[in-house]
Amino acid sequence: IPPEEAQMIEAAHFTVEEANLRTRVSVELYTALLGGEIRVPTLEGTLALAVPPDTQNGRTFRLRGQGMPTAANSESRGDLLVDVVVELPVPLSEEERRLFARLRQIAPPLGRRS
């Protein structure tokens, strides 16, 4: 990759890992827990990504063919690696605080979850 192109890519919040690109995307806590759809920036615009229920903070999704063109074949592209950053809903409203307190009471301890 020419240095000026690499600088443009990094300025767009992508890091380059050979032909692959990596980015971080914020995901609301509720979407991470219950599943849903988020928008992910790509070099060509944005794509929808289906986030499955129970997605953990730090999980990486691979969007095949959304990275940089490979040196060996300009028709072939690397992948876009999307790192999930779960955002907590702060500040909590009084209703949210009450509901989270109730969840804490009924949730099993971490070691006992199935």
Protein backbone atom coordinates (compact mmCIF):
# COMPACT_ATOMS: atom_id res chain seq x y z
CA ILE A 1 0.00 0.00 0.00
CA PRO A 2 1.40 3.42 -0.85
CA PRO A 3 2.06 5.47 2.33
CA GLU A 4 -0.46 8.20 1.41
CA GLU A 5 -3.20 5.58 0.88
CA ALA A 6 -2.38 3.93 4.22
CA GLN A 7 -2.65 7.33 5.95
CA MET A 8 -6.09 7.94 4.40
CA ILE A 9 -7.30 4.51 5.50
CA GLU A 10 -6.04 5.00 9.06
CA ALA A 11 -7.63 8.46 9.19
CA ALA A 12 -10.95 6.76 8.36
CA HIS A 13 -10.59 4.67 11.56
CA PHE A 14 -9.29 1.54 9.88
CA THR A 15 -6.00 -0.13 10.68
CA VAL A 16 -4.24 -2.10 7.98
CA GLU A 17 -3.16 -5.71 8.57
CA GLU A 18 -1.76 -6.82 5.20
CA ALA A 19 -4.82 -7.01 2.89
CA ASN A 20 -7.21 -6.97 5.86
CA LEU A 21 -8.62 -3.88 7.51
CA ARG A 22 -9.71 -3.62 11.15
CA THR A 23 -12.16 -1.22 12.74
CA ARG A 24 -13.94 -0.82 16.08
CA VAL A 25 -17.70 -0.34 16.22
CA SER A 26 -19.76 0.73 19.23
CA VAL A 27 -22.73 -1.52 20.00
CA GLU A 28 -25.44 -0.65 22.51
CA LEU A 29 -25.64 -3.01 25.49
CA TYR A 30 -29.21 -3.96 24.58
CA THR A 31 -28.19 -4.93 21.02
CA ALA A 32 -25.24 -6.98 22.34
CA LEU A 33 -27.52 -8.84 24.75
CA LEU A 34 -30.64 -9.28 22.60
CA GLY A 35 -29.20 -9.18 19.09
CA GLY A 36 -29.94 -6.73 16.33
CA GLU A 37 -28.42 -4.93 13.41
CA ILE A 38 -25.69 -2.31 13.33
CA ARG A 39 -24.14 -0.26 10.53
CA VAL A 40 -20.44 -0.85 9.85
CA PRO A 41 -18.25 1.58 7.88
CA THR A 42 -16.39 0.07 4.91
CA LEU A 43 -14.18 1.52 2.20
CA GLU A 44 -17.24 1.56 -0.08
CA GLY A 45 -19.76 3.05 2.38
CA THR A 46 -21.62 1.17 5.12
CA LEU A 47 -22.94 -2.37 5.51
CA ALA A 48 -25.49 -3.89 7.86
CA LEU A 49 -24.09 -6.43 10.30
CA ALA A 50 -26.40 -8.81 12.16
CA VAL A 51 -25.25 -8.99 15.77
CA PRO A 52 -26.35 -12.26 17.37
CA PRO A 53 -27.74 -12.34 20.92
CA ASP A 54 -25.19 -12.68 23.73
CA THR A 55 -22.39 -10.91 21.81
CA GLN A 56 -19.48 -10.24 24.16
CA ASN A 57 -17.44 -7.05 24.29
CA GLY A 58 -14.32 -7.49 22.14
CA ARG A 59 -15.84 -10.06 19.77
CA THR A 60 -14.50 -9.80 16.24
CA PHE A 61 -16.66 -10.28 13.16
CA ARG A 62 -15.10 -10.96 9.75
CA LEU A 63 -16.67 -9.35 6.67
CA ARG A 64 -15.10 -11.28 3.81
CA GLY A 65 -13.96 -9.33 0.77
CA GLN A 66 -14.39 -5.90 2.39
CA GLY A 67 -10.68 -5.19 2.93
CA MET A 68 -7.89 -4.02 0.65
CA PRO A 69 -7.21 -5.44 -2.81
CA THR A 70 -4.51 -8.09 -2.59
CA ALA A 71 -1.16 -7.57 -4.30
CA ALA A 72 -1.35 -10.91 -6.09
CA ASN A 73 -4.80 -10.33 -7.62
CA SER A 74 -6.52 -6.95 -7.82
CA GLU A 75 -9.90 -8.72 -8.16
CA SER A 76 -9.39 -10.37 -4.76
CA ARG A 77 -9.76 -8.39 -1.54
CA GLY A 78 -8.85 -8.97 2.06
CA ASP A 79 -11.39 -8.93 4.87
CA LEU A 80 -12.74 -6.28 7.20
CA LEU A 81 -12.37 -7.29 10.86
CA VAL A 82 -14.95 -5.56 13.05
CA ASP A 83 -14.20 -5.40 16.78
CA VAL A 84 -17.27 -4.88 18.97
CA VAL A 85 -17.10 -2.29 21.74
CA VAL A 86 -20.18 -2.64 23.96
CA GLU A 87 -21.34 0.75 25.21
CA LEU A 88 -23.06 0.95 28.58
CA PRO A 89 -26.26 3.03 28.79
CA VAL A 90 -25.03 5.83 31.04
CA PRO A 91 -26.35 7.79 32.72
CA LEU A 92 -29.17 5.45 33.66
CA SER A 93 -32.69 6.73 34.07
CA GLU A 94 -34.42 5.86 37.33
CA GLU A 95 -36.47 3.22 35.49
CA GLU A 96 -33.35 1.65 33.95
CA ARG A 97 -31.60 1.65 37.33
CA ARG A 98 -34.62 -0.10 38.89
CA LEU A 99 -34.74 -2.70 36.10
CA PHE A 100 -30.99 -3.41 36.26
CA ALA A 101 -31.23 -3.80 40.06
CA ARG A 102 -34.04 -6.34 39.53
CA LEU A 103 -31.96 -8.20 36.93
CA ARG A 104 -29.05 -8.36 39.37
CA GLN A 105 -31.37 -9.97 41.96
CA ILE A 106 -32.67 -12.67 39.61
CA ALA A 107 -29.51 -13.41 37.57
CA PRO A 108 -27.46 -16.46 38.56
CA PRO A 109 -23.83 -15.86 39.56
CA LEU A 110 -21.35 -15.84 36.65
CA GLY A 111 -19.96 -19.28 37.52
CA ARG A 112 -23.44 -20.84 37.38
CA ARG A 113 -24.64 -19.57 34.01
CA SER A 114 -25.23 -22.14 31.33
